[in-house]
Protein backbone atom coordinates (compact mmCIF):
# COMPACT_ATOMS: atom_id res chain seq x y z
CA MET A 1 120.09 91.47 112.05
CA SER A 2 117.73 89.34 114.42
CA LEU A 3 115.12 86.97 113.06
CA ALA A 4 112.44 89.44 113.96
CA GLU A 5 114.09 92.40 112.30
CA GLU A 6 114.58 90.19 109.29
CA LEU A 7 110.94 89.01 108.97
CA LEU A 8 109.45 92.55 109.79
CA GLU A 9 111.36 93.98 106.90
CA LEU A 10 109.93 91.08 104.74
CA GLU A 11 106.53 91.94 106.00
CA LYS A 12 106.87 95.70 105.36
CA LYS A 13 108.01 94.99 101.80
CA LEU A 14 104.94 92.48 101.07
CA LEU A 15 102.89 95.81 102.21
CA ASN A 16 104.60 97.90 99.85
CA PRO A 17 101.93 98.56 96.92
CA GLU A 18 104.36 98.66 94.21
CA LEU A 19 105.57 94.86 94.99
CA ARG A 20 102.00 93.91 95.80
CA ARG A 21 100.86 94.87 92.08
CA SER A 22 103.74 93.07 90.64
CA PRO A 23 103.04 89.12 90.45
CA GLU A 24 106.68 88.82 89.37
CA LYS A 25 108.26 90.49 92.11
CA LEU A 26 105.87 89.21 94.69
CA ALA A 27 106.08 85.75 93.84
CA HIS A 28 109.56 85.23 95.06
CA PHE A 29 107.97 85.99 98.55
CA LEU A 30 105.41 83.33 98.71
CA ALA A 31 105.97 79.43 98.78
CA GLU A 32 104.38 77.71 95.98
CA ASP A 33 101.92 76.10 98.62
CA PHE A 34 101.03 79.46 99.86
CA ILE A 35 97.43 79.85 101.42
CA GLU A 36 95.81 82.96 102.67
CA PHE A 37 92.59 83.06 104.93
CA GLY A 38 91.29 86.56 104.05
CA SER A 39 89.49 88.81 106.41
CA GLY A 40 86.09 88.17 104.44
CA GLY A 41 86.36 84.54 105.03
CA HIS A 42 87.85 83.25 101.54
CA ALA A 43 90.79 81.00 101.37
CA TYR A 44 93.04 81.96 98.39
CA ASP A 45 96.35 80.07 97.16
CA LYS A 46 99.31 81.73 95.61
CA LYS A 47 98.05 82.12 92.07
CA ARG A 48 94.91 83.94 93.18
CA VAL A 49 96.61 86.08 95.26
CA LEU A 50 99.02 87.07 92.76
CA PHE A 51 96.07 87.60 90.26
CA LEU A 52 93.99 89.90 92.59
CA LEU A 53 96.80 92.00 94.14
CA ARG A 54 97.43 93.47 90.66
CA LYS A 55 94.24 95.32 90.70
CA GLN A 56 94.39 95.96 94.55
CA VAL A 57 93.71 100.16 95.25
CA PRO A 58 96.95 100.90 97.48
CA SER A 59 96.47 102.09 100.91
CA LYS A 60 98.97 103.12 103.23
CA LEU A 61 99.84 100.48 105.91
CA GLN A 62 101.71 100.44 109.13
CA ILE A 63 102.70 97.67 111.21
CA GLU A 64 102.50 97.74 115.29
CA GLU A 65 102.72 95.13 117.81
CA PHE A 66 104.92 93.12 115.69
CA ARG A 67 105.87 89.79 117.41
CA ALA A 68 108.08 86.78 116.01
CA ILE A 69 108.04 83.21 117.23
CA GLU A 70 110.78 80.88 116.09
CA ILE A 71 109.01 77.65 115.74
CA SER A 72 112.19 75.86 114.35
CA GLU A 73 115.44 76.83 112.74
CA SER A 74 113.40 77.11 109.32
CA ALA A 75 109.99 78.07 110.56
CA ALA A 76 108.73 81.45 112.37
CA LEU A 77 105.25 82.51 113.18
CA VAL A 78 104.67 86.44 113.18
CA THR A 79 101.69 88.38 114.19
CA TYR A 80 100.97 92.00 114.25
CA ARG A 81 98.30 95.02 113.71
CA ALA A 82 97.98 96.48 110.68
CA TYR A 83 96.89 100.01 110.12
CA SER A 84 95.43 101.01 106.82
CA GLU A 85 94.65 104.49 105.73
CA SER A 86 92.67 105.10 102.85
CA SER A 87 89.83 107.96 101.35
CA LYS A 88 87.42 105.73 103.74
CA GLY A 89 89.32 106.63 107.04
CA THR A 90 91.57 104.43 109.10
CA ARG A 91 91.05 100.94 110.05
CA SER A 92 92.96 98.36 111.59
CA SER A 93 93.48 94.35 111.24
CA LEU A 94 95.06 91.70 113.11
CA ARG A 95 97.56 89.75 110.86
CA SER A 96 99.48 86.26 111.27
CA SER A 97 102.08 84.88 108.76
CA LEU A 98 104.13 81.67 109.11
CA TRP A 99 107.44 82.03 107.38
CA ILE A 100 109.34 79.10 106.08
CA GLN A 101 113.06 79.29 104.98
CA ARG A 102 113.71 77.08 102.15
CA ASP A 103 116.92 77.02 100.17
CA GLY A 104 118.32 79.98 102.16
CA ALA A 105 115.46 82.35 101.82
CA TRP A 106 112.26 83.12 103.93
CA GLN A 107 108.93 82.57 102.07
CA MET A 108 105.62 83.34 103.54
CA ALA A 109 103.54 79.95 103.67
CA PHE A 110 100.40 81.00 105.25
CA HIS A 111 98.85 84.58 106.12
CA GLN A 112 95.61 85.55 107.85
CA GLY A 113 94.00 88.93 108.40
CA THR A 114 91.26 89.69 110.39
CA ILE A 115 89.22 93.13 110.48
CA VAL A 116 89.25 94.93 114.22
CA PRO A 117 85.86 96.05 114.35
CA GLU A 118 85.38 99.91 115.15
CA GLN A 119 84.91 100.82 118.57
CA SER A 120 81.81 102.79 119.32
């Protein structure tokens, strides 16, 4: 499996509503020093993300335009467009994640999501 394929699978797992609502399972995928810049302009640490995602209303998310750039043997940047479907309709966001390999396992160290404005 290529690095891009491996990281795509990890990103897909992190978008799974069942995993997102389970802090015990989700914690293994996030580095202890994890930080997220949310689409609303707030920064969140690992503890806060694990707390907030427990209550998140699930929506179907699809990944498109996925790219992985190897920064070093133990670091990679991924970028993609995510489409979410909910009762409010479909919207997209541009996302980036920094993955770090520690003790043989990939963990997300940073994530940012930016909502793409609807075209009129």
